[in-house]
Structures are given as structure tokens and as C-alpha cells.
N, C-alpha and C. Protein backbone atom coordinates (compact mmCIF):
# COMPACT_ATOMS: atom_id res chain seq x y z
N ASN A 1 142.95 190.99 257.59
CA ASN A 1 144.06 191.21 256.58
C ASN A 1 143.46 192.31 255.77
N SER A 2 144.59 193.35 255.25
CA SER A 2 144.50 194.43 254.42
C SER A 2 144.13 194.19 252.98
N LEU A 3 144.43 192.86 252.59
CA LEU A 3 144.15 192.62 251.24
C LEU A 3 143.15 191.66 250.89
N ASN A 4 142.16 191.24 251.97
CA ASN A 4 141.01 190.61 251.90
C ASN A 4 140.34 190.68 250.70
N ASP A 5 139.64 192.05 250.33
CA ASP A 5 138.86 192.33 249.63
C ASP A 5 139.33 192.08 248.09
N GLU A 6 140.88 192.31 247.95
CA GLU A 6 141.85 192.34 246.99
C GLU A 6 141.78 190.81 246.06
N ILE A 7 142.19 190.16 247.60
CA ILE A 7 142.28 188.71 247.13
C ILE A 7 140.98 188.03 246.46
N ARG A 8 139.83 188.48 247.12
CA ARG A 8 138.48 188.23 246.80
C ARG A 8 138.17 188.50 245.51
N THR A 9 138.51 189.70 245.17
CA THR A 9 138.23 190.12 243.79
C THR A 9 139.25 189.47 242.64
N LEU A 10 140.35 189.17 243.08
CA LEU A 10 141.18 188.50 242.10
C LEU A 10 140.79 187.01 241.98
N ASN A 11 140.61 186.39 242.96
CA ASN A 11 139.82 185.02 242.79
C ASN A 11 138.59 184.94 241.96
N TYR A 12 137.75 186.00 241.87
CA TYR A 12 136.56 186.11 241.10
C TYR A 12 137.12 186.07 239.83
N LEU A 13 137.87 187.17 239.40
CA LEU A 13 138.21 187.25 238.15
C LEU A 13 138.91 186.21 237.57
N ALA A 14 139.72 185.41 238.24
CA ALA A 14 140.52 184.28 237.72
C ALA A 14 139.45 182.94 237.53
N TYR A 15 138.40 183.18 238.49
CA TYR A 15 137.39 182.03 238.33
C TYR A 15 136.49 182.08 237.21
N SER A 16 136.27 183.39 236.79
CA SER A 16 135.11 183.76 235.73
C SER A 16 136.05 183.41 234.70
N ALA A 17 137.34 183.65 234.35
CA ALA A 17 138.08 183.53 232.99
C ALA A 17 138.07 182.13 232.85
N LYS A 18 137.80 181.39 233.71
CA LYS A 18 138.16 180.14 233.53
C LYS A 18 136.93 179.43 232.35
N PHE A 19 135.83 180.00 232.33
CA PHE A 19 134.67 179.80 231.19
C PHE A 19 134.87 180.45 230.03
N ASP A 20 135.94 181.24 229.97
CA ASP A 20 136.02 181.86 228.60
C ASP A 20 137.13 181.42 227.61
N ARG A 21 136.81 181.26 226.54
CA ARG A 21 137.52 180.53 225.71
C ARG A 21 138.97 181.04 225.64
N ASN A 22 139.05 182.21 225.64
CA ASN A 22 140.26 182.95 225.48
C ASN A 22 140.94 183.36 226.96
N LEU A 23 140.31 182.78 227.90
CA LEU A 23 141.04 183.20 229.52
C LEU A 23 140.69 184.65 229.59
N GLU A 24 139.71 185.40 229.28
CA GLU A 24 139.55 186.56 229.53
C GLU A 24 138.46 187.05 230.45
N ILE A 25 138.37 187.89 231.34
CA ILE A 25 137.41 188.87 231.89
C ILE A 25 137.32 190.26 232.08
N LYS A 26 136.38 190.85 231.72
CA LYS A 26 136.33 192.29 231.96
C LYS A 26 136.32 192.68 233.42
N ILE A 27 137.13 193.60 233.83
CA ILE A 27 137.28 194.14 235.09
C ILE A 27 136.34 195.14 235.59
N PRO A 28 135.22 194.81 236.34
CA PRO A 28 134.21 195.79 236.97
C PRO A 28 134.91 196.96 237.31
N SER A 29 134.41 198.08 237.01
CA SER A 29 134.42 199.38 237.61
C SER A 29 135.88 199.53 237.60
N TYR A 30 136.58 199.55 236.72
CA TYR A 30 138.20 199.32 236.42
C TYR A 30 138.66 200.59 236.87
N LYS A 31 138.06 201.81 236.23
CA LYS A 31 138.65 203.05 236.67
C LYS A 31 138.52 203.47 238.18
N ASN A 32 137.88 202.79 238.90
CA ASN A 32 137.65 202.92 240.30
C ASN A 32 138.38 201.87 241.45
N ILE A 33 139.14 200.87 240.95
CA ILE A 33 139.78 199.81 241.64
C ILE A 33 140.52 200.47 242.81
N SER A 34 140.79 199.74 243.85
CA SER A 34 141.23 200.04 244.90
C SER A 34 142.77 200.22 244.52
N THR A 35 143.65 201.02 245.33
CA THR A 35 145.12 201.05 245.05
C THR A 35 145.90 199.88 245.08
N ASN A 36 145.33 199.00 246.32
CA ASN A 36 146.14 197.54 246.47
C ASN A 36 145.69 196.87 245.36
N LEU A 37 144.56 196.79 244.63
CA LEU A 37 143.98 195.76 243.69
C LEU A 37 144.95 196.32 242.30
N SER A 38 145.24 197.49 242.17
CA SER A 38 145.86 198.05 241.08
C SER A 38 147.31 197.50 241.21
N LYS A 39 147.70 197.50 242.28
CA LYS A 39 149.24 197.18 242.59
C LYS A 39 149.42 195.50 242.32
N ILE A 40 148.29 194.70 242.63
CA ILE A 40 148.37 193.25 242.50
C ILE A 40 148.39 193.23 241.19
N LEU A 41 147.38 193.95 240.22
CA LEU A 41 147.19 193.84 238.67
C LEU A 41 148.72 194.14 237.96
N HIS A 42 149.27 195.04 238.76
CA HIS A 42 150.57 195.60 238.05
C HIS A 42 151.39 194.30 238.02
N ASP A 43 151.43 193.74 239.34
CA ASP A 43 152.56 192.73 239.82
C ASP A 43 152.39 191.76 238.85
N ILE A 44 151.03 191.22 238.63
CA ILE A 44 150.91 189.85 238.00
C ILE A 44 151.10 190.07 236.18
N THR A 45 150.71 191.42 235.79
CA THR A 45 151.19 191.76 234.48
C THR A 45 152.86 191.69 234.26
N THR A 46 153.26 192.41 235.27
CA THR A 46 154.86 192.70 235.19
C THR A 46 155.18 191.21 235.06
N ALA A 47 154.92 190.15 235.73
CA ALA A 47 155.41 189.07 235.76
C ALA A 47 154.89 188.09 234.75
N GLY A 48 154.07 188.44 233.84
CA GLY A 48 154.00 187.87 232.67
C GLY A 48 152.67 187.09 232.85
N LEU A 49 151.99 186.73 234.12
CA LEU A 49 150.82 185.91 234.24
C LEU A 49 149.86 186.34 233.34
N ALA A 50 149.46 187.69 232.97
CA ALA A 50 148.23 188.08 232.56
C ALA A 50 148.91 189.63 231.92
N LYS A 51 147.76 190.34 230.89
CA LYS A 51 147.90 191.63 230.48
C LYS A 51 146.57 192.16 230.53
N ILE A 52 146.48 193.55 230.53
CA ILE A 52 145.22 194.23 230.37
C ILE A 52 145.07 194.93 229.49
N THR A 53 143.86 195.09 228.65
CA THR A 53 143.75 195.55 227.50
C THR A 53 142.39 195.99 227.53
N ASN A 54 142.48 197.45 227.18
CA ASN A 54 140.88 198.16 227.36
C ASN A 54 139.99 197.26 228.47
N GLU A 55 140.54 197.39 229.53
CA GLU A 55 139.85 197.03 230.86
C GLU A 55 139.51 195.73 231.00
N THR A 56 140.19 194.80 230.12
CA THR A 56 140.15 193.25 230.13
C THR A 56 141.24 192.67 230.57
N LEU A 57 141.11 191.80 231.63
CA LEU A 57 142.20 190.79 232.07
C LEU A 57 142.51 189.85 231.48
N SER A 58 143.37 189.42 230.88
CA SER A 58 143.64 187.98 230.04
C SER A 58 144.90 187.57 230.45
N PHE A 59 144.43 186.00 230.93
CA PHE A 59 145.66 185.19 231.62
C PHE A 59 146.39 184.62 230.71
N GLN A 60 147.79 184.61 230.76
CA GLN A 60 148.69 184.01 229.89
C GLN A 60 148.02 182.69 229.45
N ASP A 61 147.84 181.85 230.29
CA ASP A 61 147.43 180.33 229.89
C ASP A 61 146.77 179.81 231.20
N GLU A 62 146.31 178.57 231.10
CA GLU A 62 145.39 178.17 232.22
C GLU A 62 146.21 177.95 233.47
N ASP A 63 147.43 177.62 233.29
CA ASP A 63 148.47 177.38 234.54
C ASP A 63 148.41 178.91 235.24
N SER A 64 148.64 179.75 234.48
CA SER A 64 148.50 181.24 235.10
C SER A 64 147.29 181.69 235.73
N ARG A 65 146.22 181.11 235.11
CA ARG A 65 145.05 181.49 235.49
C ARG A 65 144.76 180.52 236.95
N PHE A 66 145.14 179.45 237.15
CA PHE A 66 144.88 178.59 237.99
C PHE A 66 145.69 179.00 239.14
N PHE A 67 146.95 179.49 238.91
CA PHE A 67 147.79 179.93 240.01
C PHE A 67 147.30 181.15 240.53
N LEU A 68 146.63 182.05 239.93
CA LEU A 68 145.76 183.30 240.57
C LEU A 68 144.74 183.31 241.00
N ASN A 69 144.00 181.78 240.94
CA ASN A 69 142.89 181.52 241.50
C ASN A 69 142.84 180.94 242.61
N GLY A 70 144.03 180.80 243.41
CA GLY A 70 144.24 180.15 244.51
C GLY A 70 145.42 179.24 244.56
N GLY A 71 145.79 178.91 243.30
CA GLY A 71 146.95 177.89 243.16
C GLY A 71 148.14 178.21 243.92
N TRP A 72 148.41 179.63 243.93
CA TRP A 72 149.71 180.22 244.76
C TRP A 72 149.60 179.67 246.12
N LEU A 73 148.61 179.46 246.90
CA LEU A 73 148.64 179.27 248.18
C LEU A 73 149.00 177.76 248.02
N GLU A 74 148.46 176.66 247.42
CA GLU A 74 148.99 175.30 247.04
C GLU A 74 150.45 175.39 246.88
N ASP A 75 150.53 176.15 245.86
CA ASP A 75 152.08 176.10 245.65
C ASP A 75 153.14 176.47 246.77
N LEU A 76 152.79 177.51 247.55
CA LEU A 76 153.31 177.85 248.65
C LEU A 76 153.60 176.92 250.12
N ILE A 77 152.31 176.29 250.25
CA ILE A 77 152.44 175.13 251.22
C ILE A 77 153.16 174.01 250.81
N TYR A 78 152.96 173.44 249.37
CA TYR A 78 153.69 172.22 249.07
C TYR A 78 155.32 172.63 248.94
N SER A 79 155.36 173.76 248.63
CA SER A 79 156.94 174.22 248.78
C SER A 79 157.67 174.17 250.10
N GLU A 80 156.68 174.69 251.08
CA GLU A 80 157.21 174.61 252.38
C GLU A 80 157.29 173.15 252.91
N ILE A 81 156.42 172.28 252.68
CA ILE A 81 156.63 170.90 253.09
C ILE A 81 157.54 170.41 252.66
N LEU A 82 157.97 170.40 251.45
CA LEU A 82 159.06 169.88 250.65
C LEU A 82 160.51 170.26 251.20
N ALA A 83 160.24 171.77 251.31
CA ALA A 83 161.73 172.00 251.94
C ALA A 83 161.72 171.31 253.11
N MET A 84 160.80 171.38 254.35
CA MET A 84 161.03 170.84 255.52
C MET A 84 161.07 169.30 255.46
N SER A 85 161.07 168.57 254.32
CA SER A 85 161.37 167.32 254.19
C SER A 85 162.95 167.10 254.03
N GLN A 86 163.32 168.16 253.61
CA GLN A 86 164.90 167.97 253.55
C GLN A 86 165.65 167.83 254.73
N LYS A 87 164.92 168.25 255.73
CA LYS A 87 165.55 168.56 257.31
C LYS A 87 164.95 167.54 258.16
N LEU A 88 163.77 166.93 257.96
CA LEU A 88 162.98 166.17 258.84
C LEU A 88 162.74 164.88 258.04
N PRO A 89 163.59 163.77 258.19
CA PRO A 89 163.15 162.62 257.40
C PRO A 89 162.05 161.83 257.54
N GLN A 90 161.54 162.32 258.70
CA GLN A 90 160.02 161.49 258.97
C GLN A 90 158.86 161.89 257.87
N ILE A 91 159.32 163.23 257.22
CA ILE A 91 158.47 163.75 256.19
C ILE A 91 158.63 163.10 255.11
N GLN A 92 157.75 162.31 254.18
CA GLN A 92 157.92 161.58 253.11
C GLN A 92 156.75 161.71 252.05
N ASP A 93 157.22 161.76 250.85
CA ASP A 93 156.24 161.24 249.62
C ASP A 93 155.21 162.57 249.77
N VAL A 94 155.90 163.54 249.46
CA VAL A 94 155.16 165.18 249.57
C VAL A 94 154.30 165.22 248.19
N LYS A 95 153.29 165.23 248.16
CA LYS A 95 152.58 165.39 246.72
C LYS A 95 151.62 166.39 246.75
N ARG A 96 151.03 166.95 245.58
CA ARG A 96 150.08 168.00 245.25
C ARG A 96 149.30 167.73 244.23
N SER A 97 148.02 168.33 244.28
CA SER A 97 147.04 168.32 243.40
C SER A 97 146.67 166.56 243.11
N ILE A 98 146.34 165.92 244.27
CA ILE A 98 146.09 164.55 243.93
C ILE A 98 144.51 164.22 243.69
N ASP A 99 144.24 163.56 242.42
CA ASP A 99 142.93 163.30 242.02
C ASP A 99 142.57 161.78 242.86
N ILE A 100 141.51 161.81 243.33
CA ILE A 100 140.94 160.69 243.96
C ILE A 100 139.37 160.32 243.38
N GLU A 101 139.35 159.00 243.14
CA GLU A 101 138.15 158.45 242.67
C GLU A 101 137.80 157.38 243.60
N ARG A 102 136.21 157.32 244.08
CA ARG A 102 135.90 156.22 244.84
C ARG A 102 134.34 156.13 244.34
N LYS A 103 134.21 154.68 244.41
CA LYS A 103 132.83 154.44 244.15
C LYS A 103 131.68 154.42 245.21
N HIS A 104 130.81 154.87 245.03
CA HIS A 104 129.67 155.01 245.58
C HIS A 104 128.37 154.44 245.24
N LYS A 105 127.84 153.42 245.71
CA LYS A 105 126.62 152.65 244.80
C LYS A 105 127.14 152.50 243.34
N SER A 106 126.28 153.19 242.48
CA SER A 106 126.65 152.95 240.93
C SER A 106 127.39 154.15 240.63
N SER A 107 127.72 154.96 241.35
CA SER A 107 128.36 156.23 240.87
C SER A 107 129.74 156.46 241.03
N THR A 108 130.60 157.49 240.43
CA THR A 108 132.05 157.63 240.73
C THR A 108 132.09 158.91 241.33
N ILE A 109 132.71 159.08 242.71
CA ILE A 109 132.72 160.28 243.36
C ILE A 109 134.15 160.62 243.02
N LYS A 110 134.45 161.93 242.46
CA LYS A 110 135.69 162.42 242.36
C LYS A 110 136.19 163.57 243.25
N ASN A 111 137.21 163.49 243.93
CA ASN A 111 137.79 164.64 244.52
C ASN A 111 139.30 164.81 244.37
N GLU A 112 139.81 166.06 244.93
CA GLU A 112 141.07 166.40 244.87
C GLU A 112 141.58 167.10 246.09
N ILE A 113 142.73 166.50 246.48
CA ILE A 113 143.49 166.76 247.65
C ILE A 113 144.68 167.82 246.97
N ASP A 114 144.67 169.01 247.84
CA ASP A 114 145.61 169.83 247.49
C ASP A 114 147.18 169.45 247.88
N VAL A 115 147.44 169.02 248.96
CA VAL A 115 148.91 168.56 249.02
C VAL A 115 148.65 167.65 250.30
N ALA A 116 149.29 166.27 250.10
CA ALA A 116 149.37 165.11 251.08
C ALA A 116 150.80 164.73 251.16
N PHE A 117 151.20 164.35 252.67
CA PHE A 117 152.39 163.68 252.68
C PHE A 117 152.42 162.49 253.82
N LEU A 118 153.50 161.85 253.84
CA LEU A 118 153.13 160.92 254.99
C LEU A 118 154.46 161.26 256.06
N ALA A 119 154.21 161.21 257.14
CA ALA A 119 154.98 161.55 258.38
C ALA A 119 154.99 160.27 259.48
N ASN A 120 155.95 159.84 259.95
CA ASN A 120 155.80 158.63 260.89
C ASN A 120 154.67 157.69 260.59
N ASN A 121 154.67 157.03 259.46
CA ASN A 121 153.50 155.93 258.92
C ASN A 121 151.92 156.70 259.08
N GLN A 122 151.99 157.81 259.04
CA GLN A 122 150.58 158.54 259.18
C GLN A 122 150.39 159.33 257.76
N LEU A 123 149.32 159.24 257.18
CA LEU A 123 148.91 160.29 256.10
C LEU A 123 148.31 161.51 256.56
N TYR A 124 148.98 162.65 256.14
CA TYR A 124 148.46 163.89 256.26
C TYR A 124 147.71 164.47 254.96
N LEU A 125 146.56 164.92 255.22
CA LEU A 125 146.03 165.71 254.05
C LEU A 125 145.79 167.21 254.12
N ILE A 126 145.99 168.08 253.15
CA ILE A 126 145.87 169.44 253.43
C ILE A 126 145.03 169.94 252.38
N GLU A 127 143.90 171.04 252.56
CA GLU A 127 143.17 171.60 251.65
C GLU A 127 143.51 173.29 252.09
N CYS A 128 143.92 173.92 250.79
CA CYS A 128 144.42 175.22 250.86
C CYS A 128 143.13 175.94 250.23
N LYS A 129 142.74 177.08 250.67
CA LYS A 129 141.55 177.82 250.23
C LYS A 129 141.93 179.37 250.37
N THR A 130 141.73 180.15 249.11
CA THR A 130 141.79 181.49 249.08
C THR A 130 140.76 182.09 248.77
N LYS A 131 139.65 181.58 248.48
CA LYS A 131 138.42 182.12 248.22
C LYS A 131 137.62 182.37 249.58
N HIS A 132 136.58 183.41 249.60
CA HIS A 132 136.07 183.66 250.64
C HIS A 132 134.45 182.68 250.75
N MET A 133 134.49 181.67 251.62
CA MET A 133 133.48 180.58 251.70
C MET A 133 132.43 181.17 251.78
N LYS A 134 131.31 181.00 251.11
CA LYS A 134 129.88 181.22 251.49
C LYS A 134 129.33 180.37 252.74
N HIS A 135 128.19 180.52 252.99
CA HIS A 135 127.37 179.95 254.05
C HIS A 135 127.42 178.11 253.67
N GLY A 136 127.76 177.52 254.59
CA GLY A 136 127.94 176.04 254.00
C GLY A 136 128.92 175.50 253.66
N ASP A 137 129.99 176.27 252.87
CA ASP A 137 131.08 175.85 252.25
C ASP A 137 132.01 175.46 253.16
N GLY A 138 132.29 175.86 254.21
CA GLY A 138 133.24 175.35 255.31
C GLY A 138 133.08 174.20 255.97
N ASN A 139 131.79 174.08 256.13
CA ASN A 139 131.10 172.70 256.65
C ASN A 139 131.46 171.65 255.50
N GLN A 140 131.29 172.05 254.19
CA GLN A 140 131.30 171.13 253.28
C GLN A 140 132.85 170.34 253.07
N LEU A 141 133.52 171.52 253.36
CA LEU A 141 135.07 171.24 253.31
C LEU A 141 135.66 170.48 254.40
N ILE A 142 135.03 170.55 255.58
CA ILE A 142 135.33 169.84 256.85
C ILE A 142 135.01 168.70 256.55
N TYR A 143 133.61 168.37 256.10
CA TYR A 143 133.23 166.90 256.03
C TYR A 143 134.06 165.96 254.83
N LYS A 144 134.41 167.03 253.87
CA LYS A 144 135.19 166.14 252.86
C LYS A 144 136.45 165.83 253.16
N LEU A 145 137.14 166.66 254.00
CA LEU A 145 138.41 166.39 254.55
C LEU A 145 138.42 165.10 255.59
N ASP A 146 137.52 165.29 256.32
CA ASP A 146 137.27 164.19 257.32
C ASP A 146 136.86 162.98 256.73
N SER A 147 136.26 162.93 255.79
CA SER A 147 135.74 161.53 254.86
C SER A 147 137.01 161.02 254.49
N LEU A 148 137.84 162.05 253.68
CA LEU A 148 138.89 161.43 252.90
C LEU A 148 140.09 160.96 253.86
N SER A 149 140.08 161.66 254.91
CA SER A 149 141.27 161.37 255.95
C SER A 149 140.82 159.70 256.49
N ASP A 150 139.44 159.43 256.79
CA ASP A 150 139.15 157.97 257.17
C ASP A 150 139.10 157.06 255.83
N LEU A 151 138.95 157.59 255.04
CA LEU A 151 138.89 156.53 253.91
C LEU A 151 140.48 156.25 253.39
N LEU A 152 141.02 157.26 253.45
CA LEU A 152 142.70 156.98 252.82
C LEU A 152 143.59 156.52 253.83
N GLY A 153 143.13 157.30 255.12
CA GLY A 153 144.30 157.01 256.21
C GLY A 153 144.01 156.43 257.37
N GLY A 154 142.47 156.08 257.40
CA GLY A 154 142.06 155.14 258.59
C GLY A 154 142.31 155.86 259.83
N LEU A 155 142.51 155.28 261.03
CA LEU A 155 142.71 155.90 262.13
C LEU A 155 144.11 156.89 262.19
N HIS A 156 144.98 156.56 261.08
CA HIS A 156 146.27 157.27 260.92
C HIS A 156 146.03 158.49 260.11
N GLY A 157 144.93 158.80 259.50
CA GLY A 157 144.64 160.10 258.65
C GLY A 157 144.45 161.32 259.48
N LYS A 158 145.14 162.22 258.90
CA LYS A 158 145.07 163.47 259.56
C LYS A 158 144.50 164.67 258.46
N GLY A 159 143.68 165.74 259.07
CA GLY A 159 143.33 166.56 257.85
C GLY A 159 143.74 167.99 258.73
N MET A 160 143.97 169.07 257.52
CA MET A 160 144.29 170.27 258.03
C MET A 160 143.77 171.10 256.96
N ILE A 161 143.05 172.48 257.51
CA ILE A 161 142.57 173.30 256.29
C ILE A 161 143.43 174.59 256.62
N ILE A 162 144.05 175.10 255.30
CA ILE A 162 144.72 176.32 255.54
C ILE A 162 143.73 177.30 254.46
N SER A 163 143.44 178.28 255.27
CA SER A 163 142.29 179.06 254.38
C SER A 163 142.78 180.75 254.81
N TYR A 164 142.96 181.36 253.60
CA TYR A 164 143.34 182.85 253.56
C TYR A 164 142.39 183.59 254.40
N HIS A 165 141.11 183.35 254.00
CA HIS A 165 139.98 183.99 254.61
C HIS A 165 139.52 183.03 255.93
N PRO A 166 139.03 183.86 257.00
CA PRO A 166 138.59 183.12 258.31
C PRO A 166 137.35 182.15 257.86
N LEU A 167 137.17 181.00 258.77
CA LEU A 167 136.08 180.25 259.00
C LEU A 167 135.21 180.70 260.12
N THR A 168 134.06 180.49 260.08
CA THR A 168 133.07 180.84 260.98
C THR A 168 133.65 180.11 262.31
N ASN A 169 133.17 180.76 263.70
CA ASN A 169 133.39 179.92 264.78
C ASN A 169 132.66 178.56 264.81
N SER A 170 131.61 178.34 264.33
CA SER A 170 130.75 177.30 264.53
C SER A 170 131.75 176.18 263.46
N GLU A 171 132.33 176.68 262.42
CA GLU A 171 133.01 175.86 261.28
C GLU A 171 134.08 175.25 261.88
N LYS A 172 134.90 176.20 262.83
CA LYS A 172 136.22 176.11 263.39
C LYS A 172 135.90 175.09 264.58
N SER A 173 134.79 175.17 265.20
CA SER A 173 134.46 174.26 266.58
C SER A 173 134.23 172.83 265.81
N ARG A 174 133.33 172.64 264.77
CA ARG A 174 133.24 171.40 264.03
C ARG A 174 134.51 170.71 263.61
N ALA A 175 135.44 171.39 263.12
CA ALA A 175 136.69 170.96 262.61
C ALA A 175 137.39 170.43 263.89
N ALA A 176 137.45 171.10 264.88
CA ALA A 176 138.21 170.73 265.95
C ALA A 176 137.46 169.37 266.51
N ASP A 177 136.29 169.32 266.54
CA ASP A 177 135.52 168.03 267.06
C ASP A 177 135.82 166.80 266.25
N LEU A 178 136.37 167.27 265.15
CA LEU A 178 136.47 166.14 264.17
C LEU A 178 138.35 165.84 263.81
N GLY A 179 138.97 166.66 265.06
CA GLY A 179 140.29 166.51 264.72
C GLY A 179 140.96 167.14 263.71
N ILE A 180 140.42 168.11 263.05
CA ILE A 180 141.03 168.70 261.81
C ILE A 180 141.62 170.00 262.15
N LYS A 181 142.69 170.23 261.77
CA LYS A 181 143.54 171.52 262.16
C LYS A 181 143.07 172.74 261.20
N VAL A 182 143.08 173.95 261.82
CA VAL A 182 142.57 175.06 260.83
C VAL A 182 143.51 176.39 261.02
N PHE A 183 144.12 176.59 260.07
CA PHE A 183 145.00 177.76 260.24
C PHE A 183 144.62 178.89 259.16
N GLU A 184 144.67 180.11 259.35
CA GLU A 184 143.99 181.05 258.70
C GLU A 184 144.97 182.26 258.83
N SER A 185 144.86 183.05 257.45
CA SER A 185 145.35 184.25 257.26
C SER A 185 146.82 184.31 257.77
N ASN A 186 147.13 185.41 258.82
CA ASN A 186 148.36 185.49 259.36
C ASN A 186 149.10 184.43 259.81
N SER A 187 148.37 183.28 260.40
CA SER A 187 149.31 182.35 260.77
C SER A 187 149.81 181.44 259.61
N ILE A 188 149.51 181.69 258.53
CA ILE A 188 150.17 181.10 257.42
C ILE A 188 151.64 181.15 257.03
N ILE A 189 152.10 182.44 257.83
CA ILE A 189 153.50 182.60 257.54
C ILE A 189 154.46 181.96 258.42
N GLN A 190 154.01 181.36 259.46
CA GLN A 190 154.46 180.46 260.47
C GLN A 190 153.95 178.98 260.12
N ILE A 191 153.68 178.43 258.93
CA ILE A 191 152.95 177.33 258.58
C ILE A 191 153.89 176.15 258.97
N ARG A 192 155.32 176.45 258.77
CA ARG A 192 156.34 175.39 258.97
C ARG A 192 156.32 174.94 260.70
N GLN A 193 156.34 175.95 261.54
CA GLN A 193 156.18 175.88 263.01
C GLN A 193 154.90 174.79 263.29
N HIS A 194 153.81 175.35 262.54
CA HIS A 194 152.50 174.57 262.73
C HIS A 194 152.61 173.38 262.34
N ILE A 195 153.10 172.99 261.09
CA ILE A 195 153.14 171.56 260.76
C ILE A 195 154.03 170.68 261.38
N LYS A 196 155.38 171.31 261.93
CA LYS A 196 156.17 170.58 262.68
C LYS A 196 155.43 170.16 264.07
N LYS A 197 154.80 171.26 264.44
CA LYS A 197 153.97 170.63 265.81
C LYS A 197 152.77 169.69 265.44
N TRP A 198 152.11 169.75 264.35
CA TRP A 198 151.22 168.62 264.14
C TRP A 198 151.64 167.47 263.94
N ILE A 199 152.79 166.93 263.19
CA ILE A 199 153.35 165.84 263.11
C ILE A 199 153.92 165.05 264.26
N SER A 200 154.13 166.18 265.20
CA SER A 200 154.89 165.55 266.28
C SER A 200 153.85 165.40 267.44
N THR A 201 152.64 165.72 267.27
CA THR A 201 151.65 165.46 268.25
C THR A 201 151.02 164.14 268.31
N PHE A 202 151.09 163.34 267.33
CA PHE A 202 150.59 161.98 266.90
C PHE A 202 151.77 161.01 266.86
């Protein structure tokens, strides 16, 4: 995808600003950024999500920062499935950003699922990622989704990963072995068709 580097940079900026009290981050090498990144920054400032002052990107608020740190993909997928549920009555209880707590020995493990819904009495869980996953991150996500699918849905729990950046071949193979669907970059535009096929498979 021609915007891979720009999306990665935007993720970095939005993630880094999370740790600043004013939600600000200085843009590295601002005078030499790519044309595509310049257009993206222009769009988000025009939309009022952030502003640029003295080569520093300041996010409007935490919701804006979260949205640009990958929340936009979660928003997109949630909206698409919600729209599908209006025409496909078997899709029910579409939820997003679900916090899950579970006990393990003496500790509490906290997880979050980006999007979840029921269809034909089965639970479907979706993780949306826009960051470039480093070595091991993909496998960690796969095992998390597999574990939560079993925990929350039992034999009827299904998992899907929607990633802007591609997973490695070994990660995709491992996901397939565990019954987890993976869709990347260009296939996201046809996500309605993919999800419709997904829920009709079981």
C-alpha cells in the first residue's frame, strides 16, 4: 500500500503523544516529510482533530488522538458491521471496545476486544490493527484472540484479525491452524463480503 509508511508514522506520533500531558509530539524532520504525510496532516488539521505549531503536532483531545492512533479502523469495521445488521437480522448485539477481565491464579488479566457481535447464536470477535507489528506481536495477538474466543464463546467462538499492515506468512499460517481469519490492507475495502461469508460458513 502506498501509504504504509505514512500510516506507520501517524501511529507513532499519536501513540507517543499519549504520554504527553498536552497530547503533543514534535514531528521529526518536519521540513522533509513526504508529500503523502503532508496531505494526511493537512486533512487531520483541517478536520479539527489536531493542529501544528512550530513543527509540533497537538491533538484536539484524547478521543482525537485515539482515533488517529488506529481507532479509525475500529470505527470503520464497527460501522460496517452495524450497517450489515440492518439488512441481516442474524447479526445482533454489535459492540466495540469491550473490556474483559478474567482471573488467573491470584492476578487479574485485562484485555480489550475491538469489535464483537453475535450471529446465529455464535460469538464473533474482531481485532483491528493499524500499527506495524514487530517480531512476535502478531503471534501474541493470535494467541490472545484464540484464548478469548474459547473463553467467551467456547466451541462457538470465532476470531478475526483485520490489519492494515501484513502479517508474516508464518503468523498467517498459525492463525489458519487456529481457525482465525486474517484480512489485510486492500481486502479491508471488501470487508462486508468477507464477514458475510465468514458468518455463513459456520
